[in-house]
């Protein structure tokens, strides 16, 4: 999907001076906001931003303080599942 936005010329120039690749910056901002709201996954961010690896995606998320919402309950459930799998 391609999306076009209109900005006042003065604002567009100012933003372009700050971020050389304004379309990429906007795409990254959209991806981060959607991830933080739980709308997309890190795998979808990787696809959206054309990152070459999961590690590049994780680094991007870390640099932008977009951490996985992983609770103690999630950890306990994962540990229980792991223990069940290891005991089989």
PDB file of N, CA and C in Angstrom:
ATOM      1  N   UNK A   1       0.844  -1.171   0.000  1.00  0.00           N
ATOM      2  CA  UNK A   1       0.000   0.000   0.000  1.00  0.00           C
ATOM      3  C   UNK A   1       0.891   1.237   0.000  1.00  0.00           C
ATOM      4  N   UNK A   2       0.516   2.167  -0.785  1.00  0.00           N
ATOM      5  CA  UNK A   2       1.255   3.424  -0.836  1.00  0.00           C
ATOM      6  C   UNK A   2       0.367   4.525  -0.282  1.00  0.00           C
ATOM      7  N   UNK A   3       0.949   5.350   0.591  1.00  0.00           N
ATOM      8  CA  UNK A   3       0.217   6.437   1.226  1.00  0.00           C
ATOM      9  C   UNK A   3       0.938   7.745   0.918  1.00  0.00           C
ATOM     10  N   UNK A   4       0.178   8.756   0.583  1.00  0.00           N
ATOM     11  CA  UNK A   4       0.734  10.077   0.309  1.00  0.00           C
ATOM     12  C   UNK A   4       0.193  11.050   1.346  1.00  0.00           C
ATOM     13  N   UNK A   5       1.081  11.882   1.882  1.00  0.00           N
ATOM     14  CA  UNK A   5       0.631  12.911   2.819  1.00  0.00           C
ATOM     15  C   UNK A   5       1.065  14.272   2.295  1.00  0.00           C
ATOM     16  N   UNK A   6       0.317  15.266   2.679  1.00  0.00           N
ATOM     17  CA  UNK A   6       0.667  16.633   2.298  1.00  0.00           C
ATOM     18  C   UNK A   6       1.097  17.394   3.540  1.00  0.00           C
ATOM     19  N   UNK A   7       2.203  18.094   3.409  1.00  0.00           N
ATOM     20  CA  UNK A   7       2.716  18.946   4.480  1.00  0.00           C
ATOM     21  C   UNK A   7       2.877  20.351   3.931  1.00  0.00           C
ATOM     22  N   UNK A   8       2.677  21.344   4.775  1.00  0.00           N
ATOM     23  CA  UNK A   8       3.009  22.690   4.327  1.00  0.00           C
ATOM     24  C   UNK A   8       4.489  22.729   3.928  1.00  0.00           C
ATOM     25  N   UNK A   9       4.788  23.435   2.879  1.00  0.00           N
ATOM     26  CA  UNK A   9       6.143  23.479   2.311  1.00  0.00           C
ATOM     27  C   UNK A   9       7.206  23.791   3.363  1.00  0.00           C
ATOM     28  N   UNK A  10       6.941  24.798   4.178  1.00  0.00           N
ATOM     29  CA  UNK A  10       7.908  25.224   5.193  1.00  0.00           C
ATOM     30  C   UNK A  10       8.205  24.090   6.189  1.00  0.00           C
ATOM     31  N   UNK A  11       7.168  23.407   6.631  1.00  0.00           N
ATOM     32  CA  UNK A  11       7.350  22.302   7.582  1.00  0.00           C
ATOM     33  C   UNK A  11       8.072  21.142   6.913  1.00  0.00           C
ATOM     34  N   UNK A  12       7.690  20.832   5.688  1.00  0.00           N
ATOM     35  CA  UNK A  12       8.347  19.759   4.949  1.00  0.00           C
ATOM     36  C   UNK A  12       9.839  19.991   4.804  1.00  0.00           C
ATOM     37  N   UNK A  13      10.233  21.203   4.472  1.00  0.00           N
ATOM     38  CA  UNK A  13      11.659  21.531   4.326  1.00  0.00           C
ATOM     39  C   UNK A  13      12.397  21.400   5.657  1.00  0.00           C
ATOM     40  N   UNK A  14      11.773  21.884   6.711  1.00  0.00           N
ATOM     41  CA  UNK A  14      12.408  21.818   8.031  1.00  0.00           C
ATOM     42  C   UNK A  14      12.616  20.359   8.457  1.00  0.00           C
ATOM     43  N   UNK A  15      11.602  19.533   8.252  1.00  0.00           N
ATOM     44  CA  UNK A  15      11.715  18.114   8.600  1.00  0.00           C
ATOM     45  C   UNK A  15      12.761  17.423   7.734  1.00  0.00           C
ATOM     46  N   UNK A  16      12.786  17.772   6.460  1.00  0.00           N
ATOM     47  CA  UNK A  16      13.753  17.175   5.536  1.00  0.00           C
ATOM     48  C   UNK A  16      15.186  17.534   5.933  1.00  0.00           C
ATOM     49  N   UNK A  17      15.385  18.736   6.464  1.00  0.00           N
ATOM     50  CA  UNK A  17      16.720  19.136   6.920  1.00  0.00           C
ATOM     51  C   UNK A  17      17.145  18.335   8.146  1.00  0.00           C
ATOM     52  N   UNK A  18      16.184  18.024   9.007  1.00  0.00           N
ATOM     53  CA  UNK A  18      16.483  17.265  10.224  1.00  0.00           C
ATOM     54  C   UNK A  18      16.708  15.795   9.905  1.00  0.00           C
ATOM     55  N   UNK A  19      15.817  15.223   9.106  1.00  0.00           N
ATOM     56  CA  UNK A  19      15.906  13.810   8.726  1.00  0.00           C
ATOM     57  C   UNK A  19      16.052  13.751   7.215  1.00  0.00           C
ATOM     58  N   UNK A  20      17.232  13.422   6.752  1.00  0.00           N
ATOM     59  CA  UNK A  20      17.485  13.418   5.308  1.00  0.00           C
ATOM     60  C   UNK A  20      16.480  12.555   4.555  1.00  0.00           C
ATOM     61  N   UNK A  21      16.205  11.365   5.079  1.00  0.00           N
ATOM     62  CA  UNK A  21      15.276  10.464   4.409  1.00  0.00           C
ATOM     63  C   UNK A  21      13.938  10.522   5.146  1.00  0.00           C
ATOM     64  N   UNK A  22      13.180  11.567   4.886  1.00  0.00           N
ATOM     65  CA  UNK A  22      11.921  11.797   5.586  1.00  0.00           C
ATOM     66  C   UNK A  22      10.926  10.654   5.399  1.00  0.00           C
ATOM     67  N   UNK A  23      10.739  10.120   4.191  1.00  0.00           N
ATOM     68  CA  UNK A  23       9.803   8.994   4.050  1.00  0.00           C
ATOM     69  C   UNK A  23      10.182   7.797   4.930  1.00  0.00           C
ATOM     70  N   UNK A  24      11.472   7.488   5.031  1.00  0.00           N
ATOM     71  CA  UNK A  24      11.913   6.374   5.875  1.00  0.00           C
ATOM     72  C   UNK A  24      11.644   6.678   7.344  1.00  0.00           C
ATOM     73  N   UNK A  25      11.907   7.913   7.763  1.00  0.00           N
ATOM     74  CA  UNK A  25      11.666   8.308   9.157  1.00  0.00           C
ATOM     75  C   UNK A  25      10.185   8.193   9.498  1.00  0.00           C
ATOM     76  N   UNK A  26       9.329   8.601   8.590  1.00  0.00           N
ATOM     77  CA  UNK A  26       7.888   8.495   8.819  1.00  0.00           C
ATOM     78  C   UNK A  26       7.455   7.036   8.908  1.00  0.00           C
ATOM     79  N   UNK A  27       8.007   6.197   8.049  1.00  0.00           N
ATOM     80  CA  UNK A  27       7.687   4.772   8.068  1.00  0.00           C
ATOM     81  C   UNK A  27       8.144   4.140   9.386  1.00  0.00           C
ATOM     82  N   UNK A  28       9.335   4.487   9.838  1.00  0.00           N
ATOM     83  CA  UNK A  28       9.846   3.973  11.114  1.00  0.00           C
ATOM     84  C   UNK A  28       8.962   4.421  12.275  1.00  0.00           C
ATOM     85  N   UNK A  29       8.544   5.673  12.262  1.00  0.00           N
ATOM     86  CA  UNK A  29       7.682   6.195  13.332  1.00  0.00           C
ATOM     87  C   UNK A  29       6.341   5.475  13.352  1.00  0.00           C
ATOM     88  N   UNK A  30       5.788   5.233  12.185  1.00  0.00           N
ATOM     89  CA  UNK A  30       4.524   4.505  12.080  1.00  0.00           C
ATOM     90  C   UNK A  30       4.683   3.076  12.597  1.00  0.00           C
ATOM     91  N   UNK A  31       5.768   2.424  12.210  1.00  0.00           N
ATOM     92  CA  UNK A  31       6.028   1.051  12.652  1.00  0.00           C
ATOM     93  C   UNK A  31       6.167   0.990  14.173  1.00  0.00           C
ATOM     94  N   UNK A  32       6.913   1.918  14.748  1.00  0.00           N
ATOM     95  CA  UNK A  32       7.100   1.936  16.200  1.00  0.00           C
ATOM     96  C   UNK A  32       5.783   2.146  16.937  1.00  0.00           C
ATOM     97  N   UNK A  33       4.990   3.073  16.481  1.00  0.00           N
ATOM     98  CA  UNK A  33       3.711   3.351  17.146  1.00  0.00           C
ATOM     99  C   UNK A  33       2.782   2.140  17.061  1.00  0.00           C
ATOM    100  N   UNK A  34       2.730   1.511  15.899  1.00  0.00           N
ATOM    101  CA  UNK A  34       1.884   0.323  15.734  1.00  0.00           C
ATOM    102  C   UNK A  34       2.381  -0.827  16.612  1.00  0.00           C
ATOM    103  N   UNK A  35       3.687  -0.982  16.731  1.00  0.00           N
ATOM    104  CA  UNK A  35       4.265  -2.030  17.578  1.00  0.00           C
ATOM    105  C   UNK A  35       3.948  -1.769  19.050  1.00  0.00           C
ATOM    106  N   UNK A  36       4.125  -0.538  19.477  1.00  0.00           N
ATOM    107  CA  UNK A  36       3.858  -0.192  20.880  1.00  0.00           C
ATOM    108  C   UNK A  36       2.397  -0.402  21.257  1.00  0.00           C
ATOM    109  N   UNK A  37       1.508  -0.235  20.304  1.00  0.00           N
ATOM    110  CA  UNK A  37       0.078  -0.428  20.556  1.00  0.00           C
ATOM    111  C   UNK A  37      -0.349  -1.886  20.358  1.00  0.00           C
ATOM    112  N   UNK A  38       0.609  -2.751  20.025  1.00  0.00           N
ATOM    113  CA  UNK A  38       0.300  -4.165  19.851  1.00  0.00           C
ATOM    114  C   UNK A  38      -0.404  -4.493  18.548  1.00  0.00           C
ATOM    115  N   UNK A  39      -0.334  -3.583  17.592  1.00  0.00           N
ATOM    116  CA  UNK A  39      -1.018  -3.780  16.312  1.00  0.00           C
ATOM    117  C   UNK A  39      -0.206  -4.626  15.341  1.00  0.00           C
ATOM    118  N   UNK A  40       1.120  -4.575  15.449  1.00  0.00           N
ATOM    119  CA  UNK A  40       1.983  -5.373  14.584  1.00  0.00           C
ATOM    120  C   UNK A  40       3.072  -6.032  15.426  1.00  0.00           C
ATOM    121  N   UNK A  41       3.670  -7.068  14.868  1.00  0.00           N
ATOM    122  CA  UNK A  41       4.723  -7.813  15.558  1.00  0.00           C
ATOM    123  C   UNK A  41       6.098  -7.327  15.109  1.00  0.00           C
ATOM    124  N   UNK A  42       7.121  -7.805  15.802  1.00  0.00           N
ATOM    125  CA  UNK A  42       8.482  -7.449  15.395  1.00  0.00           C
ATOM    126  C   UNK A  42       8.796  -8.037  14.018  1.00  0.00           C
ATOM    127  N   UNK A  43       8.235  -9.204  13.708  1.00  0.00           N
ATOM    128  CA  UNK A  43       8.440  -9.789  12.377  1.00  0.00           C
ATOM    129  C   UNK A  43       7.834  -8.890  11.300  1.00  0.00           C
ATOM    130  N   UNK A  44       6.700  -8.292  11.594  1.00  0.00           N
ATOM    131  CA  UNK A  44       6.077  -7.380  10.633  1.00  0.00           C
ATOM    132  C   UNK A  44       6.885  -6.093  10.495  1.00  0.00           C
ATOM    133  N   UNK A  45       7.506  -5.652  11.580  1.00  0.00           N
ATOM    134  CA  UNK A  45       8.401  -4.491  11.489  1.00  0.00           C
ATOM    135  C   UNK A  45       9.572  -4.827  10.582  1.00  0.00           C
ATOM    136  N   UNK A  46      10.126  -6.024  10.747  1.00  0.00           N
ATOM    137  CA  UNK A  46      11.255  -6.447   9.909  1.00  0.00           C
ATOM    138  C   UNK A  46      10.876  -6.388   8.434  1.00  0.00           C
ATOM    139  N   UNK A  47       9.688  -6.871   8.112  1.00  0.00           N
ATOM    140  CA  UNK A  47       9.214  -6.837   6.727  1.00  0.00           C
ATOM    141  C   UNK A  47       8.968  -5.403   6.269  1.00  0.00           C
ATOM    142  N   UNK A  48       8.290  -4.647   7.100  1.00  0.00           N
ATOM    143  CA  UNK A  48       7.909  -3.274   6.766  1.00  0.00           C
ATOM    144  C   UNK A  48       9.123  -2.392   6.497  1.00  0.00           C
ATOM    145  N   UNK A  49      10.170  -2.562   7.314  1.00  0.00           N
ATOM    146  CA  UNK A  49      11.353  -1.709   7.196  1.00  0.00           C
ATOM    147  C   UNK A  49      12.481  -2.366   6.407  1.00  0.00           C
ATOM    148  N   UNK A  50      12.202  -3.568   5.888  1.00  0.00           N
ATOM    149  CA  UNK A  50      13.156  -4.305   5.046  1.00  0.00           C
ATOM    150  C   UNK A  50      14.481  -4.557   5.760  1.00  0.00           C
ATOM    151  N   UNK A  51      14.394  -4.913   7.046  1.00  0.00           N
ATOM    152  CA  UNK A  51      15.592  -5.285   7.793  1.00  0.00           C
ATOM    153  C   UNK A  51      16.026  -6.677   7.359  1.00  0.00           C
ATOM    154  N   UNK A  52      17.322  -6.918   7.372  1.00  0.00           N
ATOM    155  CA  UNK A  52      17.857  -8.191   6.879  1.00  0.00           C
ATOM    156  C   UNK A  52      17.819  -9.305   7.916  1.00  0.00           C
ATOM    157  N   UNK A  53      17.646  -8.952   9.187  1.00  0.00           N
ATOM    158  CA  UNK A  53      17.652  -9.993  10.210  1.00  0.00           C
ATOM    159  C   UNK A  53      16.778  -9.603  11.396  1.00  0.00           C
ATOM    160  N   UNK A  54      16.458 -10.609  12.175  1.00  0.00           N
ATOM    161  CA  UNK A  54      15.708 -10.382  13.408  1.00  0.00           C
ATOM    162  C   UNK A  54      16.524  -9.502  14.351  1.00  0.00           C
ATOM    163  N   UNK A  55      17.844  -9.704  14.341  1.00  0.00           N
ATOM    164  CA  UNK A  55      18.718  -8.957  15.251  1.00  0.00           C
ATOM    165  C   UNK A  55      18.732  -7.479  14.904  1.00  0.00           C
ATOM    166  N   UNK A  56      18.683  -7.169  13.634  1.00  0.00           N
ATOM    167  CA  UNK A  56      18.619  -5.768  13.210  1.00  0.00           C
ATOM    168  C   UNK A  56      17.305  -5.146  13.701  1.00  0.00           C
ATOM    169  N   UNK A  57      16.235  -5.928  13.614  1.00  0.00           N
ATOM    170  CA  UNK A  57      14.933  -5.463  14.086  1.00  0.00           C
ATOM    171  C   UNK A  57      14.962  -5.228  15.591  1.00  0.00           C
ATOM    172  N   UNK A  58      15.514  -6.185  16.331  1.00  0.00           N
ATOM    173  CA  UNK A  58      15.593  -6.052  17.789  1.00  0.00           C
ATOM    174  C   UNK A  58      16.436  -4.837  18.187  1.00  0.00           C
ATOM    175  N   UNK A  59      17.518  -4.602  17.464  1.00  0.00           N
ATOM    176  CA  UNK A  59      18.365  -3.434  17.738  1.00  0.00           C
ATOM    177  C   UNK A  59      17.589  -2.143  17.496  1.00  0.00           C
ATOM    178  N   UNK A  60      16.839  -2.091  16.401  1.00  0.00           N
ATOM    179  CA  UNK A  60      16.012  -0.924  16.085  1.00  0.00           C
ATOM    180  C   UNK A  60      15.003  -0.665  17.205  1.00  0.00           C
ATOM    181  N   UNK A  61      14.337  -1.726  17.662  1.00  0.00           N
ATOM    182  CA  UNK A  61      13.349  -1.578  18.730  1.00  0.00           C
ATOM    183  C   UNK A  61      14.013  -1.104  20.023  1.00  0.00           C
ATOM    184  N   UNK A  62      15.164  -1.666  20.334  1.00  0.00           N
ATOM    185  CA  UNK A  62      15.889  -1.283  21.551  1.00  0.00           C
ATOM    186  C   UNK A  62      16.318   0.182  21.488  1.00  0.00           C
ATOM    187  N   UNK A  63      16.876   0.597  20.351  1.00  0.00           N
ATOM    188  CA  UNK A  63      17.326   1.986  20.188  1.00  0.00           C
ATOM    189  C   UNK A  63      16.179   2.975  20.343  1.00  0.00           C
ATOM    190  N   UNK A  64      14.974   2.521  20.028  1.00  0.00           N
ATOM    191  CA  UNK A  64      13.800   3.390  20.100  1.00  0.00           C
ATOM    192  C   UNK A  64      12.938   3.105  21.326  1.00  0.00           C
ATOM    193  N   UNK A  65      13.508   2.370  22.270  1.00  0.00           N
ATOM    194  CA  UNK A  65      12.855   2.062  23.542  1.00  0.00           C
ATOM    195  C   UNK A  65      11.454   1.487  23.362  1.00  0.00           C
ATOM    196  N   UNK A  66      11.326   0.589  22.399  1.00  0.00           N
ATOM    197  CA  UNK A  66      10.061  -0.106  22.146  1.00  0.00           C
ATOM    198  C   UNK A  66      10.243  -1.554  22.587  1.00  0.00           C
ATOM    199  N   UNK A  67      10.039  -1.767  23.867  1.00  0.00           N
ATOM    200  CA  UNK A  67      10.323  -3.069  24.449  1.00  0.00           C
ATOM    201  C   UNK A  67       9.106  -3.984  24.394  1.00  0.00           C
ATOM    202  N   UNK A  68       9.392  -5.270  24.342  1.00  0.00           N
ATOM    203  CA  UNK A  68       8.360  -6.290  24.351  1.00  0.00           C
ATOM    204  C   UNK A  68       7.617  -6.234  25.679  1.00  0.00           C
ATOM    205  N   UNK A  69       6.296  -6.260  25.615  1.00  0.00           N
ATOM    206  CA  UNK A  69       5.473  -6.272  26.818  1.00  0.00           C
ATOM    207  C   UNK A  69       5.404  -7.715  27.321  1.00  0.00           C
ATOM    208  N   UNK A  70       6.350  -8.078  28.161  1.00  0.00           N
ATOM    209  CA  UNK A  70       6.517  -9.451  28.630  1.00  0.00           C
ATOM    210  C   UNK A  70       6.440  -9.437  30.150  1.00  0.00           C
ATOM    211  N   UNK A  71       5.363  -9.993  30.689  1.00  0.00           N
ATOM    212  CA  UNK A  71       5.122  -9.926  32.129  1.00  0.00           C
ATOM    213  C   UNK A  71       5.738 -11.118  32.859  1.00  0.00           C
ATOM    214  N   UNK A  72       5.732 -11.033  34.177  1.00  0.00           N
ATOM    215  CA  UNK A  72       6.203 -12.160  34.990  1.00  0.00           C
ATOM    216  C   UNK A  72       5.330 -13.386  34.755  1.00  0.00           C
ATOM    217  N   UNK A  73       4.045 -13.156  34.545  1.00  0.00           N
ATOM    218  CA  UNK A  73       3.127 -14.267  34.256  1.00  0.00           C
ATOM    219  C   UNK A  73       3.500 -14.939  32.936  1.00  0.00           C
ATOM    220  N   UNK A  74       3.851 -14.144  31.932  1.00  0.00           N
ATOM    221  CA  UNK A  74       4.304 -14.704  30.654  1.00  0.00           C
ATOM    222  C   UNK A  74       5.545 -15.566  30.859  1.00  0.00           C
ATOM    223  N   UNK A  75       6.479 -15.075  31.657  1.00  0.00           N
ATOM    224  CA  UNK A  75       7.700 -15.819  31.941  1.00  0.00           C
ATOM    225  C   UNK A  75       7.378 -17.137  32.640  1.00  0.00           C
ATOM    226  N   UNK A  76       6.510 -17.090  33.641  1.00  0.00           N
ATOM    227  CA  UNK A  76       6.133 -18.308  34.365  1.00  0.00           C
ATOM    228  C   UNK A  76       5.491 -19.324  33.422  1.00  0.00           C
ATOM    229  N   UNK A  77       4.619 -18.854  32.540  1.00  0.00           N
ATOM    230  CA  UNK A  77       3.984 -19.751  31.565  1.00  0.00           C
ATOM    231  C   UNK A  77       5.012 -20.359  30.625  1.00  0.00           C
ATOM    232  N   UNK A  78       5.941 -19.555  30.167  1.00  0.00           N
ATOM    233  CA  UNK A  78       6.977 -20.057  29.260  1.00  0.00           C
ATOM    234  C   UNK A  78       7.877 -21.074  29.953  1.00  0.00           C
ATOM    235  N   UNK A  79       8.223 -20.805  31.206  1.00  0.00           N
ATOM    236  CA  UNK A  79       9.055 -21.747  31.958  1.00  0.00           C
ATOM    237  C   UNK A  79       8.325 -23.067  32.188  1.00  0.00           C
ATOM    238  N   UNK A  80       7.043 -22.993  32.475  1.00  0.00           N
ATOM    239  CA  UNK A  80       6.245 -24.207  32.664  1.00  0.00           C
ATOM    240  C   UNK A  80       6.198 -25.025  31.373  1.00  0.00           C
ATOM    241  N   UNK A  81       5.982 -24.360  30.267  1.00  0.00           N
ATOM    242  CA  UNK A  81       5.962 -25.040  28.973  1.00  0.00           C
ATOM    243  C   UNK A  81       7.312 -25.666  28.667  1.00  0.00           C
ATOM    244  N   UNK A  82       8.374 -24.937  28.918  1.00  0.00           N
ATOM    245  CA  UNK A  82       9.717 -25.452  28.682  1.00  0.00           C
ATOM    246  C   UNK A  82       9.996 -26.682  29.542  1.00  0.00           C
ATOM    247  N   UNK A  83       9.622 -26.620  30.810  1.00  0.00           N
ATOM    248  CA  UNK A  83       9.824 -27.764  31.704  1.00  0.00           C
ATOM    249  C   UNK A  83       9.037 -28.986  31.235  1.00  0.00           C
ATOM    250  N   UNK A  84       7.830 -28.771  30.748  1.00  0.00           N
ATOM    251  CA  UNK A  84       7.019 -29.879  30.233  1.00  0.00           C
ATOM    252  C   UNK A  84       7.682 -30.501  29.011  1.00  0.00           C
ATOM    253  N   UNK A  85       8.186 -29.677  28.136  1.00  0.00           N
ATOM    254  CA  UNK A  85       8.836 -30.185  26.926  1.00  0.00           C
ATOM    255  C   UNK A  85      10.117 -30.937  27.255  1.00  0.00           C
ATOM    256  N   UNK A  86      10.865 -30.450  28.217  1.00  0.00           N
ATOM    257  CA  UNK A  86      12.122 -31.097  28.589  1.00  0.00           C
ATOM    258  C   UNK A  86      11.901 -32.415  29.324  1.00  0.00           C
ATOM    259  N   UNK A  87      10.769 -32.553  29.992  1.00  0.00           N
ATOM    260  CA  UNK A  87      10.502 -33.784  30.737  1.00  0.00           C
ATOM    261  C   UNK A  87       9.947 -34.896  29.849  1.00  0.00           C
ATOM    262  N   UNK A  88       9.604 -34.601  28.627  1.00  0.00           N
ATOM    263  CA  UNK A  88       9.058 -35.618  27.708  1.00  0.00           C
ATOM    264  C   UNK A  88      10.131 -36.498  27.147  1.00  0.00           C
TER     265      UNK A  88
END
